Amino acid sequence: MKTLVALAFALCMSMFVSTASAGMIGTQVSLSLYKMTASGPSLLFNLPATTVVDPGVEFSFGGALTANFTDTGMSLHFALADWHSDELTFTFTDSTAGAFTGLSVTSNTFPAPNAANGPITTQPLFTNNGTVLSFSCCSQNLFYANADFTATFGPGSSSTVPEPATVALVGVGIAALGTRRRR
């Protein structure tokens, strides 16, 4: 009977201990920007890895491109007065495996790529394997006056990770069960 009471107490206590969200703060993220050409992607630039902080813009390129990460997502902003466009692919790589897991496009004003280098799409192309997040957009050889595009990436679903204290409480309850049975 005492064993069951100890286990019930440990389980009840674990419900009151908080959980932590697995996030991106403190991870290292790098950015590569590619332009699509007839012979395939051509690297425009690589920005070195930077630590994700919040608040703060992690990447800024000439004021025209900014990428701002938070603990649970990212926003990508591109603004240029007059832009003769190219099909672009933004590739973000996180040194922490799985840091991008669950992120998807939550809002977008970027135009979709055109058929010049592939199929016509209605939305920008988006891939995410948890470590590499890739976002392709914009039509080749179009002129945009006052280009101002934003894409926001957020969690598709909330993921929580138990705090170590929760795991410890459950472990103590199981250990008490084992000790009780030996007596």
C-alpha atoms as a PDB file:
ATOM      1  CA  MET A   1       0.000   0.000   0.000  1.00  0.00           C
ATOM      2  CA  LYS A   2       2.811   2.405   0.923  1.00  0.00           C
ATOM      3  CA  THR A   3       4.433   1.662  -2.441  1.00  0.00           C
ATOM      4  CA  LEU A   4       1.324   2.719  -4.306  1.00  0.00           C
ATOM      5  CA  VAL A   5       1.072   5.887  -2.221  1.00  0.00           C
ATOM      6  CA  ALA A   6       4.728   6.758  -2.972  1.00  0.00           C
ATOM      7  CA  LEU A   7       4.220   6.196  -6.698  1.00  0.00           C
ATOM      8  CA  ALA A   8       0.989   8.219  -6.744  1.00  0.00           C
ATOM      9  CA  PHE A   9       2.754  11.047  -4.857  1.00  0.00           C
ATOM     10  CA  ALA A  10       5.654  11.084  -7.358  1.00  0.00           C
ATOM     11  CA  LEU A  11       3.289  11.140 -10.322  1.00  0.00           C
ATOM     12  CA  CYS A  12       1.195  13.937  -8.794  1.00  0.00           C
ATOM     13  CA  MET A  13       4.306  15.997  -8.112  1.00  0.00           C
ATOM     14  CA  SER A  14       5.471  15.525 -11.699  1.00  0.00           C
ATOM     15  CA  MET A  15       2.264  17.175 -12.948  1.00  0.00           C
ATOM     16  CA  PHE A  16       3.143  20.368 -11.074  1.00  0.00           C
ATOM     17  CA  VAL A  17       6.673  20.623 -12.441  1.00  0.00           C
ATOM     18  CA  SER A  18       6.900  22.808 -15.556  1.00  0.00           C
ATOM     19  CA  THR A  19       8.015  21.803 -18.990  1.00  0.00           C
ATOM     20  CA  ALA A  20      10.447  23.645 -21.202  1.00  0.00           C
ATOM     21  CA  SER A  21      10.000  24.323 -24.890  1.00  0.00           C
ATOM     22  CA  ALA A  22      12.757  23.069 -27.135  1.00  0.00           C
ATOM     23  CA  GLY A  23      13.890  26.216 -28.928  1.00  0.00           C
ATOM     24  CA  MET A  24      16.499  27.865 -31.084  1.00  0.00           C
ATOM     25  CA  ILE A  25      17.952  30.449 -28.681  1.00  0.00           C
ATOM     26  CA  GLY A  26      21.683  29.812 -28.367  1.00  0.00           C
ATOM     27  CA  THR A  27      21.999  27.677 -31.499  1.00  0.00           C
ATOM     28  CA  GLN A  28      24.368  28.546 -34.358  1.00  0.00           C
ATOM     29  CA  VAL A  29      22.685  29.378 -37.697  1.00  0.00           C
ATOM     30  CA  SER A  30      24.305  30.186 -41.055  1.00  0.00           C
ATOM     31  CA  LEU A  31      22.734  31.539 -44.273  1.00  0.00           C
ATOM     32  CA  SER A  32      23.523  30.815 -47.922  1.00  0.00           C
ATOM     33  CA  LEU A  33      21.727  32.637 -50.750  1.00  0.00           C
ATOM     34  CA  TYR A  34      21.516  31.036 -54.190  1.00  0.00           C
ATOM     35  CA  LYS A  35      20.332  32.444 -57.511  1.00  0.00           C
ATOM     36  CA  MET A  36      18.798  30.024 -60.003  1.00  0.00           C
ATOM     37  CA  THR A  37      20.475  29.989 -63.422  1.00  0.00           C
ATOM     38  CA  ALA A  38      19.944  27.862 -66.527  1.00  0.00           C
ATOM     39  CA  SER A  39      22.769  25.573 -65.360  1.00  0.00           C
ATOM     40  CA  GLY A  40      21.435  25.269 -61.806  1.00  0.00           C
ATOM     41  CA  PRO A  41      21.842  27.113 -58.514  1.00  0.00           C
ATOM     42  CA  SER A  42      24.645  29.667 -58.277  1.00  0.00           C
ATOM     43  CA  LEU A  43      25.884  30.761 -54.847  1.00  0.00           C
ATOM     44  CA  LEU A  44      25.530  34.524 -54.337  1.00  0.00           C
ATOM     45  CA  PHE A  45      26.923  34.624 -50.789  1.00  0.00           C
ATOM     46  CA  ASN A  46      27.419  32.728 -47.543  1.00  0.00           C
ATOM     47  CA  LEU A  47      26.937  34.520 -44.247  1.00  0.00           C
ATOM     48  CA  PRO A  48      28.882  32.897 -41.395  1.00  0.00           C
ATOM     49  CA  ALA A  49      27.181  31.195 -38.499  1.00  0.00           C
ATOM     50  CA  THR A  50      25.804  33.429 -35.792  1.00  0.00           C
ATOM     51  CA  THR A  51      24.211  32.651 -32.447  1.00  0.00           C
ATOM     52  CA  VAL A  52      20.427  32.996 -32.254  1.00  0.00           C
ATOM     53  CA  VAL A  53      19.451  35.661 -29.720  1.00  0.00           C
ATOM     54  CA  ASP A  54      16.082  37.189 -28.979  1.00  0.00           C
ATOM     55  CA  PRO A  55      15.514  40.057 -29.437  1.00  0.00           C
ATOM     56  CA  GLY A  56      17.957  40.718 -32.233  1.00  0.00           C
ATOM     57  CA  VAL A  57      18.354  40.368 -35.989  1.00  0.00           C
ATOM     58  CA  GLU A  58      20.729  37.498 -36.754  1.00  0.00           C
ATOM     59  CA  PHE A  59      21.313  38.335 -40.430  1.00  0.00           C
ATOM     60  CA  SER A  60      21.223  41.623 -42.272  1.00  0.00           C
ATOM     61  CA  PHE A  61      22.588  42.053 -45.773  1.00  0.00           C
ATOM     62  CA  GLY A  62      22.872  45.633 -46.950  1.00  0.00           C
ATOM     63  CA  GLY A  63      19.607  46.531 -45.263  1.00  0.00           C
ATOM     64  CA  ALA A  64      17.716  44.791 -48.077  1.00  0.00           C
ATOM     65  CA  LEU A  65      17.559  41.360 -46.449  1.00  0.00           C
ATOM     66  CA  THR A  66      17.031  40.564 -42.773  1.00  0.00           C
ATOM     67  CA  ALA A  67      16.461  37.279 -40.992  1.00  0.00           C
ATOM     68  CA  ASN A  68      15.299  37.408 -37.396  1.00  0.00           C
ATOM     69  CA  PHE A  69      15.066  34.206 -35.372  1.00  0.00           C
ATOM     70  CA  THR A  70      13.144  33.790 -32.136  1.00  0.00           C
ATOM     71  CA  ASP A  71      13.026  30.801 -29.824  1.00  0.00           C
ATOM     72  CA  THR A  72      10.121  29.318 -31.784  1.00  0.00           C
ATOM     73  CA  GLY A  73      10.435  30.645 -35.347  1.00  0.00           C
ATOM     74  CA  MET A  74      11.886  33.098 -37.814  1.00  0.00           C
ATOM     75  CA  SER A  75      10.896  35.953 -40.079  1.00  0.00           C
ATOM     76  CA  LEU A  76      12.614  36.694 -43.381  1.00  0.00           C
ATOM     77  CA  HIS A  77      12.235  40.197 -44.822  1.00  0.00           C
ATOM     78  CA  PHE A  78      13.403  41.479 -48.208  1.00  0.00           C
ATOM     79  CA  ALA A  79      12.915  45.097 -49.285  1.00  0.00           C
ATOM     80  CA  LEU A  80      14.467  46.909 -52.234  1.00  0.00           C
ATOM     81  CA  ALA A  81      13.270  50.052 -54.040  1.00  0.00           C
ATOM     82  CA  ASP A  82      13.738  48.691 -57.583  1.00  0.00           C
ATOM     83  CA  TRP A  83      14.570  45.049 -58.105  1.00  0.00           C
ATOM     84  CA  HIS A  84      15.072  43.168 -61.357  1.00  0.00           C
ATOM     85  CA  SER A  85      14.402  39.802 -59.844  1.00  0.00           C
ATOM     86  CA  ASP A  86      16.046  36.447 -59.882  1.00  0.00           C
ATOM     87  CA  GLU A  87      14.701  33.194 -58.574  1.00  0.00           C
ATOM     88  CA  LEU A  88      16.260  33.007 -55.107  1.00  0.00           C
ATOM     89  CA  THR A  89      16.808  30.214 -52.618  1.00  0.00           C
ATOM     90  CA  PHE A  90      17.527  31.085 -48.989  1.00  0.00           C
ATOM     91  CA  THR A  91      19.162  28.171 -47.171  1.00  0.00           C
ATOM     92  CA  PHE A  92      19.526  28.329 -43.393  1.00  0.00           C
ATOM     93  CA  THR A  93      21.626  25.667 -41.664  1.00  0.00           C
ATOM     94  CA  ASP A  94      21.550  25.112 -37.910  1.00  0.00           C
ATOM     95  CA  SER A  95      24.477  23.413 -36.179  1.00  0.00           C
ATOM     96  CA  THR A  96      22.038  21.832 -33.712  1.00  0.00           C
ATOM     97  CA  ALA A  97      20.442  18.829 -35.363  1.00  0.00           C
ATOM     98  CA  GLY A  98      16.670  19.141 -35.261  1.00  0.00           C
ATOM     99  CA  ALA A  99      16.515  22.808 -34.208  1.00  0.00           C
ATOM    100  CA  PHE A 100      14.213  23.594 -37.163  1.00  0.00           C
ATOM    101  CA  THR A 101      11.988  20.555 -36.588  1.00  0.00           C
ATOM    102  CA  GLY A 102       8.309  21.462 -36.844  1.00  0.00           C
ATOM    103  CA  LEU A 103       8.825  24.863 -38.505  1.00  0.00           C
ATOM    104  CA  SER A 104       6.628  25.650 -41.473  1.00  0.00           C
ATOM    105  CA  VAL A 105       5.575  28.755 -43.400  1.00  0.00           C
ATOM    106  CA  THR A 106       2.904  30.534 -41.336  1.00  0.00           C
ATOM    107  CA  SER A 107       2.577  33.663 -43.499  1.00  0.00           C
ATOM    108  CA  ASN A 108       4.122  34.795 -46.754  1.00  0.00           C
ATOM    109  CA  THR A 109       4.094  37.721 -49.192  1.00  0.00           C
ATOM    110  CA  PHE A 110       6.996  36.510 -51.380  1.00  0.00           C
ATOM    111  CA  PRO A 111       5.988  35.701 -54.979  1.00  0.00           C
ATOM    112  CA  ALA A 112       6.303  32.115 -56.184  1.00  0.00           C
ATOM    113  CA  PRO A 113       8.995  31.013 -58.651  1.00  0.00           C
ATOM    114  CA  ASN A 114       7.987  31.037 -62.327  1.00  0.00           C
ATOM    115  CA  ALA A 115       8.250  28.345 -64.973  1.00  0.00           C
ATOM    116  CA  ALA A 116      11.546  29.613 -66.446  1.00  0.00           C
ATOM    117  CA  ASN A 117      13.623  27.199 -64.360  1.00  0.00           C
ATOM    118  CA  GLY A 118      11.051  24.651 -63.380  1.00  0.00           C
ATOM    119  CA  PRO A 119       7.356  24.038 -62.803  1.00  0.00           C
ATOM    120  CA  ILE A 120       4.926  26.822 -62.044  1.00  0.00           C
ATOM    121  CA  THR A 121       4.125  26.929 -58.350  1.00  0.00           C
ATOM    122  CA  THR A 122       1.503  28.886 -56.485  1.00  0.00           C
ATOM    123  CA  GLN A 123       3.594  29.166 -53.332  1.00  0.00           C
ATOM    124  CA  PRO A 124       7.302  29.555 -52.680  1.00  0.00           C
ATOM    125  CA  LEU A 125       9.057  26.209 -52.425  1.00  0.00           C
ATOM    126  CA  PHE A 126       9.791  25.264 -48.820  1.00  0.00           C
ATOM    127  CA  THR A 127      11.745  22.330 -47.419  1.00  0.00           C
ATOM    128  CA  ASN A 128      12.792  21.606 -43.862  1.00  0.00           C
ATOM    129  CA  ASN A 129      14.597  18.501 -42.641  1.00  0.00           C
ATOM    130  CA  GLY A 130      15.097  19.794 -39.093  1.00  0.00           C
ATOM    131  CA  THR A 131      18.665  21.025 -39.645  1.00  0.00           C
ATOM    132  CA  VAL A 132      18.437  22.732 -43.056  1.00  0.00           C
ATOM    133  CA  LEU A 133      15.547  25.081 -43.873  1.00  0.00           C
ATOM    134  CA  SER A 134      15.303  26.095 -47.543  1.00  0.00           C
ATOM    135  CA  PHE A 135      12.949  28.682 -49.034  1.00  0.00           C
ATOM    136  CA  SER A 136      12.815  29.361 -52.816  1.00  0.00           C
ATOM    137  CA  CYS A 137      10.867  32.285 -54.196  1.00  0.00           C
ATOM    138  CA  CYS A 138      10.468  35.020 -56.780  1.00  0.00           C
ATOM    139  CA  SER A 139      10.292  34.958 -60.552  1.00  0.00           C
ATOM    140  CA  GLN A 140      13.251  35.382 -62.805  1.00  0.00           C
ATOM    141  CA  ASN A 141      13.546  38.494 -64.980  1.00  0.00           C
ATOM    142  CA  LEU A 142      10.606  40.404 -63.538  1.00  0.00           C
ATOM    143  CA  PHE A 143      10.805  43.981 -62.330  1.00  0.00           C
ATOM    144  CA  TYR A 144       9.482  44.800 -58.867  1.00  0.00           C
ATOM    145  CA  ALA A 145       9.118  48.493 -57.975  1.00  0.00           C
ATOM    146  CA  ASN A 146       9.317  48.885 -54.199  1.00  0.00           C
ATOM    147  CA  ALA A 147       9.749  45.183 -53.510  1.00  0.00           C
ATOM    148  CA  ASP A 148       8.766  44.438 -49.927  1.00  0.00           C
ATOM    149  CA  PHE A 149       8.304  40.760 -49.064  1.00  0.00           C
ATOM    150  CA  THR A 150       8.070  38.950 -45.735  1.00  0.00           C
ATOM    151  CA  ALA A 151       7.837  35.264 -44.862  1.00  0.00           C
ATOM    152  CA  THR A 152       7.245  34.026 -41.333  1.00  0.00           C
ATOM    153  CA  PHE A 153       8.093  30.532 -40.146  1.00  0.00           C
ATOM    154  CA  GLY A 154       6.638  29.089 -36.968  1.00  0.00           C
ATOM    155  CA  PRO A 155       5.933  25.797 -35.280  1.00  0.00           C
ATOM    156  CA  GLY A 156       3.449  23.481 -36.906  1.00  0.00           C
ATOM    157  CA  SER A 157       2.765  22.051 -33.470  1.00  0.00           C
ATOM    158  CA  SER A 158       3.995  22.798 -29.997  1.00  0.00           C
ATOM    159  CA  SER A 159       6.688  20.508 -28.664  1.00  0.00           C
ATOM    160  CA  THR A 160       7.516  20.382 -24.984  1.00  0.00           C
ATOM    161  CA  VAL A 161      10.415  18.724 -23.236  1.00  0.00           C
ATOM    162  CA  PRO A 162      10.079  17.590 -19.614  1.00  0.00           C
ATOM    163  CA  GLU A 163      12.292  19.425 -17.149  1.00  0.00           C
ATOM    164  CA  PRO A 164      15.001  17.261 -15.528  1.00  0.00           C
ATOM    165  CA  ALA A 165      13.198  17.581 -12.173  1.00  0.00           C
ATOM    166  CA  THR A 166      10.133  15.868 -13.653  1.00  0.00           C
ATOM    167  CA  VAL A 167      12.199  12.958 -14.897  1.00  0.00           C
ATOM    168  CA  ALA A 168      13.972  12.757 -11.518  1.00  0.00           C
ATOM    169  CA  LEU A 169      10.660  12.646  -9.616  1.00  0.00           C
ATOM    170  CA  VAL A 170       9.360   9.822 -11.778  1.00  0.00           C
ATOM    171  CA  GLY A 171      12.683   7.998 -11.298  1.00  0.00           C
ATOM    172  CA  VAL A 172      12.456   8.384  -7.515  1.00  0.00           C
ATOM    173  CA  GLY A 173       8.939   6.955  -7.592  1.00  0.00           C
ATOM    174  CA  ILE A 174      10.056   3.932  -9.617  1.00  0.00           C
ATOM    175  CA  ALA A 175      13.078   3.422  -7.343  1.00  0.00           C
ATOM    176  CA  ALA A 176      10.778   3.548  -4.295  1.00  0.00           C
ATOM    177  CA  LEU A 177       8.604   0.907  -5.926  1.00  0.00           C
ATOM    178  CA  GLY A 178      11.611  -1.363  -6.460  1.00  0.00           C
ATOM    179  CA  THR A 179      12.928  -0.827  -2.932  1.00  0.00           C
ATOM    180  CA  ARG A 180       9.505  -1.493  -1.442  1.00  0.00           C
ATOM    181  CA  ARG A 181       9.150  -4.784  -3.317  1.00  0.00           C
ATOM    182  CA  ARG A 182      12.521  -6.055  -2.028  1.00  0.00           C
ATOM    183  CA  ARG A 183      11.440  -5.602   1.612  1.00  0.00           C
END
